Amino acid sequence: MSDPVNSFHVLDYVAMGLFFLVCTGIGVYYGCYKKQKTTEEYLLGGRRMHLIPVAISLLVTYQSAISVLGVPLETYVYNTMSYYMWVAIMIANAIQGFLIVPLVYPLGISSSYEYFGRRFKSRAVQLLGTVMGMLQTLMYMAIVLLAPALALEAG
């Protein structure tokens, strides 16, 4: 006998189906009818976006199971010592925002890897940075996917 609290009902399937249809419709519309003409337009929105949507996009990108599960755990285990990390992150973000971004933005580059290629005039350095970034992202994604799996397994 199935548990009525943890099972899907007709309205749940309808809501999930509508969600998938809307997401698919948005993808088809922007993929078929509103094509970007350049790589810069695709990756950076033509550099026409305002600060608030870009900041929200970056914030949401880094919200993951690591943040949701790890931060309360770290605060519980290390108490207020974990606040030192947050102070360091705020200082690093201020340095990036006030020093690095104003220097790099006028260059018109789309990634740090492109900067490596221009700065060192070497495609090998650019590719090395790209491969290292891909490996770091692969390891990060493994942890991001493992955390909710462990939480779901425990529940």
C-alpha atoms as a PDB file:
ATOM      1  CA  MET A   1       0.000   0.000   0.000  1.00  0.00           C
ATOM      2  CA  SER A   2       1.459   3.386  -0.965  1.00  0.00           C
ATOM      3  CA  ASP A   3       1.897   6.238   1.469  1.00  0.00           C
ATOM      4  CA  PRO A   4      -0.637   8.999   0.550  1.00  0.00           C
ATOM      5  CA  VAL A   5       1.673  11.724   1.843  1.00  0.00           C
ATOM      6  CA  ASN A   6       4.669  10.726  -0.300  1.00  0.00           C
ATOM      7  CA  SER A   7       2.905   9.813  -3.549  1.00  0.00           C
ATOM      8  CA  PHE A   8       2.092  11.919  -6.599  1.00  0.00           C
ATOM      9  CA  HIS A   9      -1.511  12.832  -7.327  1.00  0.00           C
ATOM     10  CA  VAL A  10      -3.085  13.958 -10.583  1.00  0.00           C
ATOM     11  CA  LEU A  11      -2.513  17.667  -9.858  1.00  0.00           C
ATOM     12  CA  ASP A  12       1.148  16.965  -9.091  1.00  0.00           C
ATOM     13  CA  TYR A  13       1.595  15.340 -12.512  1.00  0.00           C
ATOM     14  CA  VAL A  14      -0.251  18.214 -14.204  1.00  0.00           C
ATOM     15  CA  ALA A  15       1.938  20.829 -12.461  1.00  0.00           C
ATOM     16  CA  MET A  16       5.118  18.913 -13.330  1.00  0.00           C
ATOM     17  CA  GLY A  17       3.984  18.496 -16.944  1.00  0.00           C
ATOM     18  CA  LEU A  18       3.216  22.215 -17.267  1.00  0.00           C
ATOM     19  CA  PHE A  19       6.601  23.066 -15.786  1.00  0.00           C
ATOM     20  CA  PHE A  20       8.366  20.856 -18.344  1.00  0.00           C
ATOM     21  CA  LEU A  21       6.275  22.266 -21.203  1.00  0.00           C
ATOM     22  CA  VAL A  22       7.031  25.877 -20.242  1.00  0.00           C
ATOM     23  CA  CYS A  23      10.769  25.137 -19.890  1.00  0.00           C
ATOM     24  CA  THR A  24      10.803  23.317 -23.227  1.00  0.00           C
ATOM     25  CA  GLY A  25       8.861  26.153 -24.871  1.00  0.00           C
ATOM     26  CA  ILE A  26      11.345  28.740 -23.632  1.00  0.00           C
ATOM     27  CA  GLY A  27      14.241  26.642 -24.927  1.00  0.00           C
ATOM     28  CA  VAL A  28      12.628  26.102 -28.339  1.00  0.00           C
ATOM     29  CA  TYR A  29      11.734  29.799 -28.667  1.00  0.00           C
ATOM     30  CA  TYR A  30      15.232  31.044 -27.872  1.00  0.00           C
ATOM     31  CA  GLY A  31      16.885  28.197 -29.788  1.00  0.00           C
ATOM     32  CA  CYS A  32      14.880  28.550 -32.998  1.00  0.00           C
ATOM     33  CA  TYR A  33      13.481  32.076 -33.167  1.00  0.00           C
ATOM     34  CA  LYS A  34      15.770  34.364 -31.129  1.00  0.00           C
ATOM     35  CA  LYS A  35      19.214  33.217 -32.149  1.00  0.00           C
ATOM     36  CA  GLN A  36      22.255  35.129 -30.974  1.00  0.00           C
ATOM     37  CA  LYS A  37      24.493  36.361 -33.759  1.00  0.00           C
ATOM     38  CA  THR A  38      27.854  36.339 -31.976  1.00  0.00           C
ATOM     39  CA  THR A  39      29.547  34.369 -29.235  1.00  0.00           C
ATOM     40  CA  GLU A  40      29.714  37.505 -27.087  1.00  0.00           C
ATOM     41  CA  GLU A  41      25.977  37.991 -27.423  1.00  0.00           C
ATOM     42  CA  TYR A  42      25.382  34.358 -26.406  1.00  0.00           C
ATOM     43  CA  LEU A  43      27.807  34.242 -23.471  1.00  0.00           C
ATOM     44  CA  LEU A  44      27.538  37.809 -22.169  1.00  0.00           C
ATOM     45  CA  GLY A  45      24.143  39.022 -23.389  1.00  0.00           C
ATOM     46  CA  GLY A  46      25.879  41.526 -25.635  1.00  0.00           C
ATOM     47  CA  ARG A  47      27.248  43.229 -22.494  1.00  0.00           C
ATOM     48  CA  ARG A  48      23.929  45.062 -22.116  1.00  0.00           C
ATOM     49  CA  MET A  49      22.701  43.508 -18.875  1.00  0.00           C
ATOM     50  CA  HIS A  50      22.451  45.584 -15.733  1.00  0.00           C
ATOM     51  CA  LEU A  51      24.168  44.844 -12.431  1.00  0.00           C
ATOM     52  CA  ILE A  52      21.194  43.348 -10.538  1.00  0.00           C
ATOM     53  CA  PRO A  53      20.340  40.455 -12.933  1.00  0.00           C
ATOM     54  CA  VAL A  54      24.021  39.570 -13.301  1.00  0.00           C
ATOM     55  CA  ALA A  55      24.546  39.606  -9.521  1.00  0.00           C
ATOM     56  CA  ILE A  56      21.440  37.465  -8.930  1.00  0.00           C
ATOM     57  CA  SER A  57      22.560  35.024 -11.626  1.00  0.00           C
ATOM     58  CA  LEU A  58      25.979  34.643 -10.017  1.00  0.00           C
ATOM     59  CA  LEU A  59      24.446  34.250  -6.559  1.00  0.00           C
ATOM     60  CA  VAL A  60      22.013  31.549  -7.681  1.00  0.00           C
ATOM     61  CA  THR A  61      24.743  29.734  -9.612  1.00  0.00           C
ATOM     62  CA  TYR A  62      26.737  29.144  -6.442  1.00  0.00           C
ATOM     63  CA  GLN A  63      23.773  28.112  -4.304  1.00  0.00           C
ATOM     64  CA  SER A  64      23.962  24.351  -4.151  1.00  0.00           C
ATOM     65  CA  ALA A  65      23.608  21.434  -1.799  1.00  0.00           C
ATOM     66  CA  ILE A  66      27.037  22.314  -0.454  1.00  0.00           C
ATOM     67  CA  SER A  67      25.740  25.689   0.678  1.00  0.00           C
ATOM     68  CA  VAL A  68      22.412  24.456   1.993  1.00  0.00           C
ATOM     69  CA  LEU A  69      23.775  21.423   3.844  1.00  0.00           C
ATOM     70  CA  GLY A  70      27.387  22.384   4.477  1.00  0.00           C
ATOM     71  CA  VAL A  71      27.138  25.867   5.953  1.00  0.00           C
ATOM     72  CA  PRO A  72      24.823  24.931   8.856  1.00  0.00           C
ATOM     73  CA  LEU A  73      26.940  21.843   9.526  1.00  0.00           C
ATOM     74  CA  GLU A  74      30.168  23.815   9.522  1.00  0.00           C
ATOM     75  CA  THR A  75      28.655  26.436  11.833  1.00  0.00           C
ATOM     76  CA  TYR A  76      27.471  23.676  14.167  1.00  0.00           C
ATOM     77  CA  VAL A  77      30.848  21.901  14.203  1.00  0.00           C
ATOM     78  CA  TYR A  78      33.168  24.934  14.322  1.00  0.00           C
ATOM     79  CA  ASN A  79      30.818  27.432  15.994  1.00  0.00           C
ATOM     80  CA  THR A  80      31.767  31.058  15.281  1.00  0.00           C
ATOM     81  CA  MET A  81      35.160  30.124  13.831  1.00  0.00           C
ATOM     82  CA  SER A  82      33.444  29.629  10.467  1.00  0.00           C
ATOM     83  CA  TYR A  83      32.673  33.360  10.404  1.00  0.00           C
ATOM     84  CA  TYR A  84      36.337  34.058   9.663  1.00  0.00           C
ATOM     85  CA  MET A  85      35.823  32.346   6.324  1.00  0.00           C
ATOM     86  CA  TRP A  86      32.864  34.619   5.537  1.00  0.00           C
ATOM     87  CA  VAL A  87      34.876  37.717   6.429  1.00  0.00           C
ATOM     88  CA  ALA A  88      37.659  36.549   4.090  1.00  0.00           C
ATOM     89  CA  ILE A  89      35.133  35.898   1.301  1.00  0.00           C
ATOM     90  CA  MET A  90      33.658  39.396   1.704  1.00  0.00           C
ATOM     91  CA  ILE A  91      37.140  40.957   1.544  1.00  0.00           C
ATOM     92  CA  ALA A  92      38.004  38.894  -1.543  1.00  0.00           C
ATOM     93  CA  ASN A  93      34.743  39.925  -3.234  1.00  0.00           C
ATOM     94  CA  ALA A  94      35.406  43.599  -2.449  1.00  0.00           C
ATOM     95  CA  ILE A  95      38.905  43.323  -3.955  1.00  0.00           C
ATOM     96  CA  GLN A  96      37.472  41.658  -7.067  1.00  0.00           C
ATOM     97  CA  GLY A  97      34.695  44.205  -7.429  1.00  0.00           C
ATOM     98  CA  PHE A  98      36.711  47.359  -6.868  1.00  0.00           C
ATOM     99  CA  LEU A  99      40.146  46.417  -8.261  1.00  0.00           C
ATOM    100  CA  ILE A 100      40.064  43.484 -10.657  1.00  0.00           C
ATOM    101  CA  VAL A 101      36.773  44.006 -12.514  1.00  0.00           C
ATOM    102  CA  PRO A 102      37.519  47.656 -13.448  1.00  0.00           C
ATOM    103  CA  LEU A 103      40.885  46.551 -14.854  1.00  0.00           C
ATOM    104  CA  VAL A 104      39.635  43.528 -16.796  1.00  0.00           C
ATOM    105  CA  TYR A 105      36.215  44.698 -18.043  1.00  0.00           C
ATOM    106  CA  PRO A 106      37.567  47.227 -20.590  1.00  0.00           C
ATOM    107  CA  LEU A 107      39.598  44.443 -22.240  1.00  0.00           C
ATOM    108  CA  GLY A 108      36.370  42.984 -23.629  1.00  0.00           C
ATOM    109  CA  ILE A 109      37.226  39.402 -22.743  1.00  0.00           C
ATOM    110  CA  SER A 110      34.676  36.741 -21.859  1.00  0.00           C
ATOM    111  CA  SER A 111      36.676  34.512 -19.507  1.00  0.00           C
ATOM    112  CA  SER A 112      39.797  34.312 -17.405  1.00  0.00           C
ATOM    113  CA  TYR A 113      41.121  31.704 -19.833  1.00  0.00           C
ATOM    114  CA  GLU A 114      40.970  34.222 -22.651  1.00  0.00           C
ATOM    115  CA  TYR A 115      42.897  36.617 -20.400  1.00  0.00           C
ATOM    116  CA  PHE A 116      45.587  33.957 -19.843  1.00  0.00           C
ATOM    117  CA  GLY A 117      45.981  33.550 -23.596  1.00  0.00           C
ATOM    118  CA  ARG A 118      46.331  37.290 -24.172  1.00  0.00           C
ATOM    119  CA  ARG A 119      48.488  38.009 -21.128  1.00  0.00           C
ATOM    120  CA  PHE A 120      51.067  35.279 -21.755  1.00  0.00           C
ATOM    121  CA  LYS A 121      50.664  35.260 -25.556  1.00  0.00           C
ATOM    122  CA  SER A 122      50.435  31.497 -25.406  1.00  0.00           C
ATOM    123  CA  ARG A 123      47.679  29.187 -26.519  1.00  0.00           C
ATOM    124  CA  ALA A 124      49.281  26.444 -24.368  1.00  0.00           C
ATOM    125  CA  VAL A 125      48.842  28.517 -21.186  1.00  0.00           C
ATOM    126  CA  GLN A 126      45.241  29.234 -22.153  1.00  0.00           C
ATOM    127  CA  LEU A 127      44.541  25.531 -22.737  1.00  0.00           C
ATOM    128  CA  LEU A 128      46.309  24.536 -19.510  1.00  0.00           C
ATOM    129  CA  GLY A 129      44.125  26.970 -17.556  1.00  0.00           C
ATOM    130  CA  THR A 130      41.040  25.674 -19.354  1.00  0.00           C
ATOM    131  CA  VAL A 131      41.839  22.031 -18.584  1.00  0.00           C
ATOM    132  CA  MET A 132      42.580  22.843 -14.934  1.00  0.00           C
ATOM    133  CA  GLY A 133      39.304  24.769 -14.692  1.00  0.00           C
ATOM    134  CA  MET A 134      37.391  21.874 -16.243  1.00  0.00           C
ATOM    135  CA  LEU A 135      38.944  19.386 -13.801  1.00  0.00           C
ATOM    136  CA  GLN A 136      38.138  21.650 -10.848  1.00  0.00           C
ATOM    137  CA  THR A 137      34.541  22.005 -12.052  1.00  0.00           C
ATOM    138  CA  LEU A 138      34.250  18.244 -12.543  1.00  0.00           C
ATOM    139  CA  MET A 139      35.408  17.590  -8.977  1.00  0.00           C
ATOM    140  CA  TYR A 140      33.132  20.347  -7.648  1.00  0.00           C
ATOM    141  CA  MET A 141      30.119  18.908  -9.483  1.00  0.00           C
ATOM    142  CA  ALA A 142      30.830  15.451  -8.058  1.00  0.00           C
ATOM    143  CA  ILE A 143      30.586  16.884  -4.544  1.00  0.00           C
ATOM    144  CA  VAL A 144      27.532  18.993  -5.404  1.00  0.00           C
ATOM    145  CA  LEU A 145      25.731  15.892  -6.671  1.00  0.00           C
ATOM    146  CA  LEU A 146      26.928  13.654  -3.837  1.00  0.00           C
ATOM    147  CA  ALA A 147      25.622  15.917  -1.050  1.00  0.00           C
ATOM    148  CA  PRO A 148      21.895  15.704  -1.920  1.00  0.00           C
ATOM    149  CA  ALA A 149      22.270  12.003  -2.698  1.00  0.00           C
ATOM    150  CA  LEU A 150      23.577  11.394   0.816  1.00  0.00           C
ATOM    151  CA  ALA A 151      20.836  13.551   2.320  1.00  0.00           C
ATOM    152  CA  LEU A 152      18.142  11.683   0.357  1.00  0.00           C
ATOM    153  CA  GLU A 153      19.635   8.332   1.297  1.00  0.00           C
ATOM    154  CA  ALA A 154      19.533   9.249   4.994  1.00  0.00           C
ATOM    155  CA  GLY A 155      15.897  10.391   4.742  1.00  0.00           C
END
